N, C-alpha and C. Protein backbone atom coordinates (compact mmCIF):
# COMPACT_ATOMS: atom_id res chain seq x y z
N MET A 1 109.76 109.09 99.55
CA MET A 1 109.88 107.65 99.32
C MET A 1 110.50 107.34 97.97
N ILE A 2 110.02 108.03 96.92
CA ILE A 2 110.52 107.82 95.56
C ILE A 2 111.18 109.10 95.09
N ALA A 3 112.44 109.01 94.66
CA ALA A 3 113.19 110.19 94.23
C ALA A 3 113.96 109.87 92.96
N LEU A 4 113.67 110.60 91.88
CA LEU A 4 114.43 110.51 90.65
C LEU A 4 115.16 111.83 90.43
N ASP A 5 116.44 111.74 90.10
CA ASP A 5 117.25 112.92 89.86
C ASP A 5 117.97 112.79 88.53
N GLY A 6 117.53 113.57 87.53
CA GLY A 6 118.18 113.60 86.23
C GLY A 6 118.19 112.27 85.51
N VAL A 7 117.13 111.47 85.68
CA VAL A 7 117.10 110.13 85.09
C VAL A 7 116.85 110.20 83.58
N CYS A 8 117.70 109.50 82.84
CA CYS A 8 117.55 109.36 81.39
C CYS A 8 117.49 107.87 81.05
N PHE A 9 116.68 107.55 80.05
CA PHE A 9 116.59 106.16 79.58
C PHE A 9 116.20 106.19 78.11
N SER A 10 116.79 105.29 77.33
CA SER A 10 116.46 105.22 75.91
C SER A 10 116.38 103.77 75.47
N TYR A 11 115.65 103.55 74.39
CA TYR A 11 115.54 102.24 73.76
C TYR A 11 116.26 102.30 72.41
N ASP A 12 117.40 101.62 72.29
CA ASP A 12 118.17 101.61 71.04
C ASP A 12 118.40 103.03 70.52
N GLY A 13 118.75 103.93 71.44
CA GLY A 13 119.05 105.30 71.06
C GLY A 13 117.86 106.23 70.99
N ALA A 14 116.64 105.68 71.08
CA ALA A 14 115.44 106.52 71.05
C ALA A 14 115.07 106.89 72.49
N PRO A 15 115.08 108.19 72.84
CA PRO A 15 114.84 108.59 74.22
C PRO A 15 113.44 108.22 74.70
N ALA A 16 113.35 107.77 75.96
CA ALA A 16 112.07 107.52 76.61
C ALA A 16 111.88 108.42 77.82
N LEU A 17 112.98 108.72 78.52
CA LEU A 17 112.98 109.68 79.61
C LEU A 17 114.17 110.60 79.45
N GLU A 18 113.96 111.90 79.64
CA GLU A 18 115.02 112.89 79.50
C GLU A 18 115.08 113.74 80.76
N ASN A 19 116.14 113.53 81.54
CA ASN A 19 116.38 114.35 82.73
C ASN A 19 115.18 114.37 83.67
N ALA A 20 114.60 113.18 83.92
CA ALA A 20 113.42 113.06 84.77
C ALA A 20 113.81 113.28 86.23
N THR A 21 113.20 114.28 86.84
CA THR A 21 113.46 114.61 88.24
C THR A 21 112.13 114.82 88.94
N CYS A 22 111.88 114.08 90.02
CA CYS A 22 110.63 114.23 90.76
C CYS A 22 110.76 113.59 92.13
N ARG A 23 109.83 113.94 93.00
CA ARG A 23 109.73 113.38 94.34
C ARG A 23 108.29 112.93 94.57
N ILE A 24 108.12 111.74 95.13
CA ILE A 24 106.80 111.23 95.50
C ILE A 24 106.89 110.75 96.94
N ALA A 25 106.10 111.36 97.81
CA ALA A 25 106.15 111.04 99.23
C ALA A 25 105.29 109.83 99.56
N ALA A 26 105.62 109.17 100.65
CA ALA A 26 104.83 108.04 101.13
C ALA A 26 103.39 108.50 101.38
N GLY A 27 102.44 107.69 100.89
CA GLY A 27 101.03 107.99 101.09
C GLY A 27 100.41 108.89 100.05
N GLU A 28 101.19 109.38 99.09
CA GLU A 28 100.62 110.21 98.01
C GLU A 28 99.93 109.34 96.97
N SER A 29 99.02 109.95 96.25
CA SER A 29 98.41 109.34 95.07
C SER A 29 98.66 110.28 93.90
N VAL A 30 99.48 109.85 92.94
CA VAL A 30 99.96 110.72 91.87
C VAL A 30 99.61 110.13 90.52
N ALA A 31 99.03 110.94 89.64
CA ALA A 31 98.71 110.52 88.28
C ALA A 31 99.89 110.79 87.36
N LEU A 32 100.15 109.87 86.46
CA LEU A 32 101.16 110.05 85.41
C LEU A 32 100.39 110.20 84.11
N MET A 33 100.52 111.36 83.47
CA MET A 33 99.69 111.68 82.31
C MET A 33 100.53 112.17 81.15
N GLY A 34 99.99 112.00 79.94
CA GLY A 34 100.68 112.43 78.75
C GLY A 34 100.36 111.51 77.58
N PRO A 35 100.78 111.88 76.38
CA PRO A 35 100.45 111.10 75.18
C PRO A 35 101.16 109.74 75.17
N ASN A 36 100.65 108.84 74.33
CA ASN A 36 101.31 107.54 74.16
C ASN A 36 102.75 107.74 73.72
N GLY A 37 103.63 106.89 74.27
CA GLY A 37 105.02 106.93 73.86
C GLY A 37 105.85 108.02 74.50
N CYS A 38 105.30 108.70 75.52
CA CYS A 38 106.03 109.82 76.11
C CYS A 38 106.89 109.40 77.30
N GLY A 39 106.77 108.15 77.77
CA GLY A 39 107.65 107.68 78.83
C GLY A 39 106.99 107.22 80.11
N LYS A 40 105.65 107.22 80.17
CA LYS A 40 104.96 106.85 81.42
C LYS A 40 105.28 105.41 81.82
N SER A 41 105.18 104.48 80.87
CA SER A 41 105.44 103.07 81.19
C SER A 41 106.91 102.87 81.55
N THR A 42 107.80 103.56 80.87
CA THR A 42 109.23 103.46 81.19
C THR A 42 109.49 103.98 82.60
N PHE A 43 108.85 105.09 82.95
CA PHE A 43 108.97 105.65 84.29
C PHE A 43 108.58 104.58 85.33
N LEU A 44 107.46 103.90 85.11
CA LEU A 44 107.02 102.88 86.05
C LEU A 44 107.99 101.70 86.09
N ARG A 45 108.55 101.35 84.95
CA ARG A 45 109.53 100.26 84.93
C ARG A 45 110.79 100.63 85.72
N VAL A 46 111.23 101.88 85.60
CA VAL A 46 112.38 102.34 86.38
C VAL A 46 112.05 102.30 87.87
N VAL A 47 110.89 102.82 88.23
CA VAL A 47 110.49 102.87 89.64
C VAL A 47 110.39 101.46 90.23
N ASN A 48 110.01 100.50 89.41
CA ASN A 48 109.87 99.12 89.87
C ASN A 48 111.16 98.31 89.73
N GLY A 49 112.24 98.94 89.30
CA GLY A 49 113.51 98.25 89.18
C GLY A 49 113.59 97.29 88.01
N LEU A 50 112.72 97.49 87.02
CA LEU A 50 112.72 96.62 85.83
C LEU A 50 113.53 97.23 84.69
N ALA A 51 113.87 98.49 84.81
CA ALA A 51 114.75 99.18 83.87
C ALA A 51 115.63 100.12 84.70
N HIS A 52 116.84 100.37 84.19
CA HIS A 52 117.80 101.15 84.97
C HIS A 52 118.28 102.34 84.15
N PRO A 53 118.39 103.51 84.78
CA PRO A 53 118.76 104.72 84.04
C PRO A 53 120.13 104.60 83.36
N SER A 54 120.23 105.19 82.17
CA SER A 54 121.54 105.32 81.54
C SER A 54 122.32 106.48 82.17
N ARG A 55 121.59 107.46 82.69
CA ARG A 55 122.17 108.56 83.48
C ARG A 55 121.19 108.91 84.58
N GLY A 56 121.70 109.52 85.64
CA GLY A 56 120.84 109.93 86.74
C GLY A 56 120.74 108.87 87.81
N VAL A 57 119.97 109.19 88.85
CA VAL A 57 119.88 108.35 90.04
C VAL A 57 118.42 108.16 90.43
N TYR A 58 118.08 106.92 90.79
CA TYR A 58 116.77 106.60 91.35
C TYR A 58 116.96 106.04 92.74
N ARG A 59 116.28 106.65 93.72
CA ARG A 59 116.33 106.17 95.10
C ARG A 59 114.94 105.83 95.59
N PHE A 60 114.86 104.74 96.34
CA PHE A 60 113.61 104.31 96.97
C PHE A 60 113.87 104.18 98.46
N ASP A 61 113.13 104.92 99.25
CA ASP A 61 113.36 104.94 100.70
C ASP A 61 114.82 105.24 101.04
N GLY A 62 115.43 106.11 100.24
CA GLY A 62 116.80 106.54 100.50
C GLY A 62 117.88 105.65 99.91
N ALA A 63 117.52 104.45 99.44
CA ALA A 63 118.50 103.51 98.88
C ALA A 63 118.52 103.63 97.36
N GLU A 64 119.71 103.73 96.78
CA GLU A 64 119.81 103.80 95.32
C GLU A 64 119.48 102.44 94.72
N ILE A 65 118.61 102.46 93.70
CA ILE A 65 118.18 101.23 93.02
C ILE A 65 118.95 101.11 91.70
N THR A 66 119.82 100.10 91.62
CA THR A 66 120.65 99.87 90.44
C THR A 66 120.69 98.36 90.16
N LYS A 67 121.26 98.01 89.01
CA LYS A 67 121.47 96.59 88.73
C LYS A 67 122.29 95.93 89.83
N LYS A 68 123.30 96.65 90.29
CA LYS A 68 124.18 96.10 91.32
C LYS A 68 123.44 95.89 92.63
N SER A 69 122.66 96.88 93.06
CA SER A 69 121.95 96.72 94.34
C SER A 69 120.92 95.61 94.26
N LEU A 70 120.26 95.46 93.10
CA LEU A 70 119.25 94.42 92.95
C LEU A 70 119.85 93.04 92.72
N ALA A 71 121.17 92.99 92.48
CA ALA A 71 121.84 91.68 92.39
C ALA A 71 121.97 91.03 93.77
N ASP A 72 121.83 91.83 94.82
CA ASP A 72 121.79 91.30 96.19
C ASP A 72 120.38 90.75 96.42
N ARG A 73 120.25 89.43 96.55
CA ARG A 73 118.94 88.80 96.60
C ARG A 73 118.10 89.29 97.78
N ALA A 74 118.72 89.47 98.93
CA ALA A 74 117.97 89.93 100.10
C ALA A 74 117.45 91.35 99.89
N PHE A 75 118.30 92.22 99.32
CA PHE A 75 117.89 93.60 99.04
C PHE A 75 116.77 93.61 98.01
N ALA A 76 116.94 92.82 96.93
CA ALA A 76 115.94 92.78 95.87
C ALA A 76 114.60 92.27 96.38
N LYS A 77 114.64 91.23 97.22
CA LYS A 77 113.39 90.69 97.75
C LYS A 77 112.67 91.71 98.60
N ALA A 78 113.41 92.41 99.47
CA ALA A 78 112.81 93.43 100.32
C ALA A 78 112.23 94.57 99.48
N PHE A 79 112.96 94.99 98.44
CA PHE A 79 112.49 96.07 97.57
C PHE A 79 111.21 95.68 96.85
N HIS A 80 111.20 94.49 96.23
CA HIS A 80 110.05 94.08 95.43
C HIS A 80 108.83 93.77 96.27
N GLN A 81 109.01 93.52 97.55
CA GLN A 81 107.87 93.34 98.44
C GLN A 81 107.22 94.67 98.81
N LYS A 82 107.97 95.77 98.63
CA LYS A 82 107.45 97.09 99.00
C LYS A 82 106.71 97.76 97.86
N ILE A 83 106.94 97.33 96.64
CA ILE A 83 106.33 98.01 95.49
C ILE A 83 105.75 96.97 94.53
N GLY A 84 104.48 97.16 94.17
CA GLY A 84 103.80 96.22 93.28
C GLY A 84 103.45 96.90 91.97
N PHE A 85 103.64 96.20 90.87
CA PHE A 85 103.45 96.75 89.53
C PHE A 85 102.32 96.01 88.83
N VAL A 86 101.27 96.74 88.46
CA VAL A 86 100.18 96.19 87.67
C VAL A 86 100.43 96.57 86.21
N PHE A 87 100.76 95.58 85.38
CA PHE A 87 101.11 95.83 83.99
C PHE A 87 99.90 96.28 83.18
N GLN A 88 100.15 97.02 82.12
CA GLN A 88 99.08 97.45 81.22
C GLN A 88 98.40 96.25 80.58
N ASN A 89 99.17 95.24 80.22
CA ASN A 89 98.62 94.01 79.66
C ASN A 89 98.63 92.94 80.74
N PRO A 90 97.48 92.57 81.29
CA PRO A 90 97.47 91.60 82.39
C PRO A 90 98.04 90.24 82.01
N ASP A 91 98.01 89.88 80.72
CA ASP A 91 98.56 88.60 80.30
C ASP A 91 100.06 88.50 80.61
N ALA A 92 100.73 89.66 80.76
CA ALA A 92 102.17 89.67 81.04
C ALA A 92 102.49 89.20 82.44
N GLN A 93 101.49 89.14 83.34
CA GLN A 93 101.78 88.75 84.70
C GLN A 93 100.98 87.55 85.19
N LEU A 94 100.16 86.94 84.33
CA LEU A 94 99.33 85.81 84.73
C LEU A 94 99.83 84.53 84.07
N PHE A 95 100.08 83.48 84.88
CA PHE A 95 100.65 82.26 84.32
C PHE A 95 100.26 80.99 85.08
N CYS A 96 99.54 81.10 86.17
CA CYS A 96 99.21 79.93 86.99
C CYS A 96 97.95 79.24 86.46
N SER A 97 97.64 78.07 87.05
CA SER A 97 96.55 77.23 86.54
C SER A 97 95.17 77.70 86.98
N SER A 98 95.09 78.52 88.01
CA SER A 98 93.79 79.00 88.49
C SER A 98 93.97 80.38 89.09
N VAL A 99 92.87 81.10 89.22
CA VAL A 99 92.89 82.42 89.83
C VAL A 99 93.40 82.34 91.27
N GLU A 100 92.93 81.34 92.01
CA GLU A 100 93.34 81.18 93.40
C GLU A 100 94.85 80.97 93.51
N ASN A 101 95.40 80.09 92.66
CA ASN A 101 96.85 79.85 92.68
C ASN A 101 97.63 81.07 92.23
N GLU A 102 97.05 81.82 91.30
CA GLU A 102 97.71 83.04 90.82
C GLU A 102 97.90 84.04 91.96
N ILE A 103 96.84 84.24 92.72
CA ILE A 103 96.90 85.22 93.81
C ILE A 103 97.80 84.72 94.94
N ALA A 104 97.87 83.40 95.12
CA ALA A 104 98.70 82.82 96.18
C ALA A 104 100.18 82.79 95.82
N PHE A 105 100.52 82.97 94.54
CA PHE A 105 101.90 82.76 94.10
C PHE A 105 102.88 83.67 94.83
N ALA A 106 102.63 84.98 94.84
CA ALA A 106 103.58 85.92 95.46
C ALA A 106 103.74 85.67 96.96
N PRO A 107 102.65 85.50 97.72
CA PRO A 107 102.84 85.20 99.14
C PRO A 107 103.63 83.92 99.39
N ARG A 108 103.47 82.93 98.50
CA ARG A 108 104.25 81.69 98.67
C ARG A 108 105.73 81.96 98.41
N GLN A 109 106.03 82.80 97.42
CA GLN A 109 107.42 83.15 97.15
C GLN A 109 108.02 83.93 98.31
N MET A 110 107.18 84.61 99.06
CA MET A 110 107.64 85.36 100.23
C MET A 110 107.89 84.45 101.43
N GLY A 111 107.47 83.18 101.31
CA GLY A 111 107.69 82.22 102.39
C GLY A 111 106.71 82.35 103.54
N LEU A 112 105.52 82.89 103.28
CA LEU A 112 104.53 83.07 104.34
C LEU A 112 103.89 81.73 104.70
N PRO A 113 103.39 81.59 105.93
CA PRO A 113 102.68 80.37 106.33
C PRO A 113 101.41 80.20 105.50
N GLU A 114 100.99 78.95 105.30
CA GLU A 114 99.82 78.68 104.47
C GLU A 114 98.56 79.34 105.03
N THR A 115 98.46 79.45 106.37
CA THR A 115 97.28 80.11 106.94
C THR A 115 97.23 81.58 106.54
N GLU A 116 98.39 82.25 106.51
CA GLU A 116 98.45 83.65 106.11
C GLU A 116 98.20 83.79 104.61
N ILE A 117 98.73 82.84 103.83
CA ILE A 117 98.48 82.86 102.38
C ILE A 117 96.99 82.73 102.11
N ALA A 118 96.34 81.79 102.77
CA ALA A 118 94.90 81.59 102.56
C ALA A 118 94.11 82.85 102.94
N ARG A 119 94.51 83.51 104.02
CA ARG A 119 93.83 84.73 104.44
C ARG A 119 94.00 85.83 103.40
N ARG A 120 95.22 86.00 102.90
CA ARG A 120 95.46 87.04 101.90
C ARG A 120 94.71 86.77 100.61
N VAL A 121 94.69 85.50 100.19
CA VAL A 121 93.98 85.15 98.97
C VAL A 121 92.49 85.46 99.12
N ALA A 122 91.91 85.06 100.24
CA ALA A 122 90.49 85.30 100.48
C ALA A 122 90.19 86.80 100.52
N ASP A 123 91.03 87.56 101.20
CA ASP A 123 90.81 89.01 101.30
C ASP A 123 90.90 89.68 99.94
N CYS A 124 91.91 89.30 99.15
CA CYS A 124 92.10 89.94 97.84
C CYS A 124 91.00 89.54 96.85
N MET A 125 90.56 88.27 96.91
CA MET A 125 89.46 87.86 96.04
C MET A 125 88.18 88.61 96.41
N ALA A 126 87.93 88.80 97.71
CA ALA A 126 86.74 89.53 98.13
C ALA A 126 86.82 90.99 97.69
N LEU A 127 87.98 91.60 97.86
CA LEU A 127 88.16 93.01 97.51
C LEU A 127 87.91 93.24 96.03
N MET A 128 88.40 92.33 95.18
CA MET A 128 88.27 92.49 93.73
C MET A 128 87.11 91.69 93.15
N GLN A 129 86.25 91.15 94.03
CA GLN A 129 85.04 90.41 93.62
C GLN A 129 85.37 89.27 92.65
N LEU A 130 86.26 88.39 93.12
CA LEU A 130 86.75 87.29 92.28
C LEU A 130 86.37 85.91 92.82
N GLU A 131 85.57 85.85 93.89
CA GLU A 131 85.30 84.56 94.52
C GLU A 131 84.73 83.53 93.54
N ALA A 132 83.85 83.96 92.66
CA ALA A 132 83.22 83.02 91.72
C ALA A 132 84.18 82.52 90.66
N LEU A 133 85.34 83.16 90.55
CA LEU A 133 86.32 82.80 89.51
C LEU A 133 87.52 82.04 90.08
N ALA A 134 87.48 81.68 91.36
CA ALA A 134 88.65 81.14 92.04
C ALA A 134 89.28 79.95 91.32
N ALA A 135 88.47 79.06 90.77
CA ALA A 135 88.99 77.84 90.15
C ALA A 135 89.22 77.99 88.65
N ARG A 136 88.87 79.13 88.09
CA ARG A 136 89.00 79.34 86.64
C ARG A 136 90.45 79.58 86.25
N PRO A 137 90.87 79.08 85.08
CA PRO A 137 92.21 79.44 84.59
C PRO A 137 92.23 80.88 84.10
N PRO A 138 93.24 81.65 84.44
CA PRO A 138 93.26 83.07 84.06
C PRO A 138 93.16 83.30 82.56
N TYR A 139 93.74 82.39 81.74
CA TYR A 139 93.72 82.62 80.30
C TYR A 139 92.31 82.60 79.73
N ALA A 140 91.36 81.99 80.47
CA ALA A 140 89.99 81.88 79.98
C ALA A 140 89.10 83.04 80.40
N LEU A 141 89.66 84.02 81.10
CA LEU A 141 88.87 85.14 81.60
C LEU A 141 88.78 86.27 80.59
N SER A 142 87.83 87.15 80.82
CA SER A 142 87.72 88.35 79.98
C SER A 142 88.83 89.33 80.34
N GLY A 143 88.98 90.36 79.53
CA GLY A 143 90.02 91.35 79.79
C GLY A 143 89.85 92.04 81.13
N GLY A 144 88.62 92.42 81.46
CA GLY A 144 88.36 93.07 82.73
C GLY A 144 88.60 92.14 83.91
N GLU A 145 88.22 90.88 83.75
CA GLU A 145 88.46 89.90 84.81
C GLU A 145 89.96 89.68 85.02
N LYS A 146 90.70 89.59 83.93
CA LYS A 146 92.17 89.46 84.05
C LYS A 146 92.77 90.65 84.77
N ARG A 147 92.26 91.85 84.48
CA ARG A 147 92.78 93.05 85.14
C ARG A 147 92.54 92.96 86.65
N ARG A 148 91.36 92.50 87.03
CA ARG A 148 91.05 92.37 88.45
C ARG A 148 91.95 91.34 89.12
N VAL A 149 92.22 90.23 88.42
CA VAL A 149 93.12 89.21 88.96
C VAL A 149 94.53 89.77 89.11
N GLY A 150 95.00 90.48 88.09
CA GLY A 150 96.34 91.06 88.15
C GLY A 150 96.50 92.00 89.33
N ILE A 151 95.49 92.80 89.60
CA ILE A 151 95.55 93.71 90.74
C ILE A 151 95.52 92.92 92.04
N ALA A 152 94.68 91.89 92.12
CA ALA A 152 94.62 91.06 93.32
C ALA A 152 95.97 90.39 93.59
N CYS A 153 96.65 89.96 92.53
CA CYS A 153 97.97 89.34 92.70
C CYS A 153 98.96 90.30 93.33
N VAL A 154 98.94 91.54 92.89
CA VAL A 154 99.84 92.55 93.45
C VAL A 154 99.46 92.87 94.89
N LEU A 155 98.17 92.98 95.16
CA LEU A 155 97.72 93.30 96.51
C LEU A 155 98.05 92.19 97.50
N SER A 156 98.14 90.97 97.04
CA SER A 156 98.45 89.85 97.94
C SER A 156 99.84 89.99 98.55
N GLN A 157 100.70 90.80 97.94
CA GLN A 157 102.03 91.07 98.51
C GLN A 157 101.98 92.11 99.62
N ASN A 158 100.84 92.84 99.70
CA ASN A 158 100.67 93.95 100.64
C ASN A 158 101.78 94.98 100.48
N PRO A 159 101.98 95.49 99.25
CA PRO A 159 103.07 96.46 99.03
C PRO A 159 102.71 97.82 99.59
N ALA A 160 103.72 98.61 99.91
CA ALA A 160 103.51 99.98 100.36
C ALA A 160 103.15 100.89 99.19
N VAL A 161 103.67 100.54 97.99
CA VAL A 161 103.45 101.34 96.78
C VAL A 161 102.77 100.46 95.73
N LEU A 162 101.74 101.01 95.11
CA LEU A 162 101.03 100.32 94.04
C LEU A 162 101.17 101.16 92.78
N ALA A 163 101.85 100.61 91.78
CA ALA A 163 102.09 101.30 90.51
C ALA A 163 101.24 100.64 89.43
N LEU A 164 100.37 101.40 88.79
CA LEU A 164 99.42 100.84 87.83
C LEU A 164 99.58 101.52 86.48
N ASP A 165 99.75 100.71 85.44
CA ASP A 165 99.94 101.22 84.08
C ASP A 165 98.64 101.10 83.29
N GLU A 166 97.96 102.22 83.10
CA GLU A 166 96.69 102.30 82.35
C GLU A 166 95.67 101.27 82.86
N PRO A 167 95.36 101.25 84.16
CA PRO A 167 94.48 100.20 84.67
C PRO A 167 93.03 100.33 84.22
N PHE A 168 92.59 101.53 83.79
CA PHE A 168 91.20 101.71 83.36
C PHE A 168 91.00 101.43 81.87
N ASN A 169 92.09 101.17 81.17
CA ASN A 169 92.01 100.99 79.72
C ASN A 169 91.15 99.77 79.37
N GLY A 170 90.09 99.98 78.60
CA GLY A 170 89.24 98.89 78.11
C GLY A 170 88.27 98.32 79.12
N LEU A 171 88.15 98.93 80.31
CA LEU A 171 87.23 98.40 81.31
C LEU A 171 85.80 98.88 81.05
N ASP A 172 84.81 98.03 81.37
CA ASP A 172 83.43 98.48 81.32
C ASP A 172 83.16 99.38 82.53
N GLU A 173 82.02 100.03 82.51
CA GLU A 173 81.71 101.03 83.54
C GLU A 173 81.70 100.42 84.94
N GLU A 174 81.14 99.23 85.08
CA GLU A 174 81.04 98.60 86.40
C GLU A 174 82.41 98.24 86.96
N THR A 175 83.26 97.67 86.10
CA THR A 175 84.60 97.28 86.56
C THR A 175 85.45 98.51 86.86
N ALA A 176 85.31 99.56 86.05
CA ALA A 176 86.05 100.79 86.31
C ALA A 176 85.63 101.41 87.64
N ALA A 177 84.33 101.35 87.95
CA ALA A 177 83.85 101.89 89.22
C ALA A 177 84.40 101.08 90.39
N LEU A 178 84.45 99.75 90.24
CA LEU A 178 85.01 98.90 91.28
C LEU A 178 86.48 99.24 91.51
N LEU A 179 87.24 99.36 90.42
CA LEU A 179 88.67 99.66 90.54
C LEU A 179 88.88 101.02 91.21
N GLY A 180 88.09 102.01 90.81
CA GLY A 180 88.22 103.33 91.43
C GLY A 180 87.95 103.27 92.93
N ALA A 181 86.93 102.52 93.32
CA ALA A 181 86.59 102.41 94.74
C ALA A 181 87.71 101.71 95.51
N VAL A 182 88.28 100.66 94.92
CA VAL A 182 89.37 99.93 95.57
C VAL A 182 90.59 100.83 95.74
N LEU A 183 90.93 101.59 94.70
CA LEU A 183 92.11 102.47 94.79
C LEU A 183 91.90 103.57 95.83
N ARG A 184 90.69 104.09 95.93
CA ARG A 184 90.42 105.09 96.96
C ARG A 184 90.55 104.48 98.35
N GLN A 185 90.08 103.24 98.49
CA GLN A 185 90.18 102.55 99.77
C GLN A 185 91.65 102.31 100.14
N LEU A 186 92.43 101.89 99.18
CA LEU A 186 93.85 101.62 99.44
C LEU A 186 94.60 102.90 99.79
N HIS A 187 94.30 103.96 99.06
CA HIS A 187 94.95 105.24 99.37
C HIS A 187 94.55 105.72 100.76
N GLY A 188 93.27 105.54 101.10
CA GLY A 188 92.82 105.91 102.43
C GLY A 188 93.49 105.13 103.54
N ALA A 189 93.93 103.90 103.19
CA ALA A 189 94.64 103.06 104.16
C ALA A 189 96.12 103.38 104.23
N GLY A 190 96.58 104.38 103.44
CA GLY A 190 97.97 104.81 103.52
C GLY A 190 98.87 104.33 102.41
N LYS A 191 98.32 103.61 101.42
CA LYS A 191 99.15 103.15 100.31
C LYS A 191 99.54 104.32 99.40
N THR A 192 100.73 104.24 98.84
CA THR A 192 101.18 105.19 97.82
C THR A 192 100.72 104.67 96.46
N ILE A 193 100.06 105.51 95.69
CA ILE A 193 99.50 105.10 94.40
C ILE A 193 100.17 105.90 93.27
N LEU A 194 100.69 105.17 92.27
CA LEU A 194 101.17 105.79 91.03
C LEU A 194 100.27 105.29 89.92
N LEU A 195 99.57 106.20 89.27
CA LEU A 195 98.52 105.84 88.32
C LEU A 195 98.81 106.45 86.96
N ALA A 196 99.28 105.63 86.02
CA ALA A 196 99.45 106.08 84.64
C ALA A 196 98.10 105.95 83.94
N THR A 197 97.59 107.06 83.42
CA THR A 197 96.26 107.01 82.83
C THR A 197 96.06 108.15 81.83
N HIS A 198 95.15 107.91 80.85
CA HIS A 198 94.68 108.96 79.96
C HIS A 198 93.36 109.55 80.46
N ASP A 199 92.78 108.92 81.48
CA ASP A 199 91.46 109.30 81.97
C ASP A 199 91.60 110.42 83.00
N ARG A 200 91.43 111.65 82.56
CA ARG A 200 91.63 112.79 83.46
C ARG A 200 90.60 112.81 84.59
N GLN A 201 89.37 112.37 84.28
CA GLN A 201 88.34 112.34 85.32
C GLN A 201 88.72 111.36 86.43
N ALA A 202 89.17 110.17 86.05
CA ALA A 202 89.60 109.19 87.05
C ALA A 202 90.80 109.71 87.83
N ALA A 203 91.73 110.35 87.13
CA ALA A 203 92.91 110.90 87.79
C ALA A 203 92.50 111.96 88.82
N ALA A 204 91.57 112.83 88.45
CA ALA A 204 91.15 113.89 89.36
C ALA A 204 90.42 113.33 90.58
N GLN A 205 89.71 112.23 90.41
CA GLN A 205 88.99 111.62 91.52
C GLN A 205 89.93 110.91 92.49
N LEU A 206 91.08 110.44 91.98
CA LEU A 206 91.97 109.60 92.78
C LEU A 206 93.23 110.32 93.24
N CYS A 207 93.60 111.39 92.56
CA CYS A 207 94.91 112.02 92.80
C CYS A 207 94.76 113.52 93.01
N ARG A 208 95.68 114.10 93.78
CA ARG A 208 95.69 115.53 94.00
C ARG A 208 96.61 116.24 93.03
N ARG A 209 97.59 115.52 92.49
CA ARG A 209 98.50 116.15 91.53
C ARG A 209 98.89 115.14 90.47
N ALA A 210 99.46 115.66 89.40
CA ALA A 210 99.88 114.82 88.28
C ALA A 210 101.31 115.16 87.89
N ILE A 211 101.99 114.17 87.36
CA ILE A 211 103.25 114.39 86.66
C ILE A 211 102.93 114.28 85.18
N ARG A 212 103.13 115.37 84.46
CA ARG A 212 102.81 115.43 83.03
C ARG A 212 104.05 115.11 82.22
N PHE A 213 103.93 114.10 81.35
CA PHE A 213 105.01 113.67 80.47
C PHE A 213 104.80 114.33 79.11
N GLY A 214 105.83 115.04 78.63
CA GLY A 214 105.72 115.70 77.34
C GLY A 214 106.20 114.81 76.20
N ALA A 215 105.89 115.24 74.99
CA ALA A 215 106.34 114.50 73.81
C ALA A 215 107.85 114.48 73.70
N ASP A 216 108.52 115.43 74.40
CA ASP A 216 109.99 115.47 74.41
C ASP A 216 110.57 114.62 75.54
N HIS A 217 109.68 113.86 76.24
CA HIS A 217 110.08 112.90 77.29
C HIS A 217 110.59 113.57 78.56
N THR A 218 110.25 114.84 78.75
CA THR A 218 110.56 115.54 80.00
C THR A 218 109.31 115.55 80.88
N LEU A 219 109.49 115.90 82.15
CA LEU A 219 108.40 115.89 83.12
C LEU A 219 108.13 117.30 83.64
N ARG A 220 106.86 117.53 83.99
CA ARG A 220 106.51 118.73 84.75
C ARG A 220 105.33 118.36 85.64
N GLU A 221 105.18 119.06 86.73
CA GLU A 221 104.11 118.77 87.67
C GLU A 221 102.94 119.72 87.45
N GLU A 222 101.73 119.22 87.73
CA GLU A 222 100.53 120.06 87.63
C GLU A 222 99.51 119.61 88.66
N SER A 223 98.63 120.53 89.06
CA SER A 223 97.56 120.21 89.99
C SER A 223 96.39 119.61 89.22
N LEU A 224 95.58 118.84 89.96
CA LEU A 224 94.39 118.25 89.35
C LEU A 224 93.13 118.85 89.99
């Protein structure tokens, strides 16, 4: 499903990915591990079409993902409906007036009927235990609550791939346990999971293998 071949990316000349080559099959759950600044977040941005390689090729379901291909609105819409990105900082993706409207935003952009939108919102709020927060503005929530809302927003799109950037960072024990249970449930339902994390225990519980990012911004695979 996801194929990178010799992908390089840099920020103002500073390398973030060097000759990144990997394959991730549909239905896999893969941990992305390594020190801060080694390229995990950049890798997820490339996979989500938010950054484009300076060299190398990225393909999703056999189609090359480039600035040019994503300039086609129909292609871009279909691609972004298949892959959901949970940002490390939930404030980067929350902007609506209430939790309920936040979760409904993506399905509305997809043009779904209101009955289907209401069903998805209810299902995602129940899954992430957000019913009591439905009318609250996201900016007024705690960090863990915002993280749960951000994940619910992505799930409302029903993507085939869920890419999460440090989702356990700063969570209390109860919220981390909820998130782990939800990710196991989603993987069991056939979703592909990409999990950038420093938490090796969580990675081992959720994933069978890891892609290890080195300080030199190269990749290698390892078992968990």
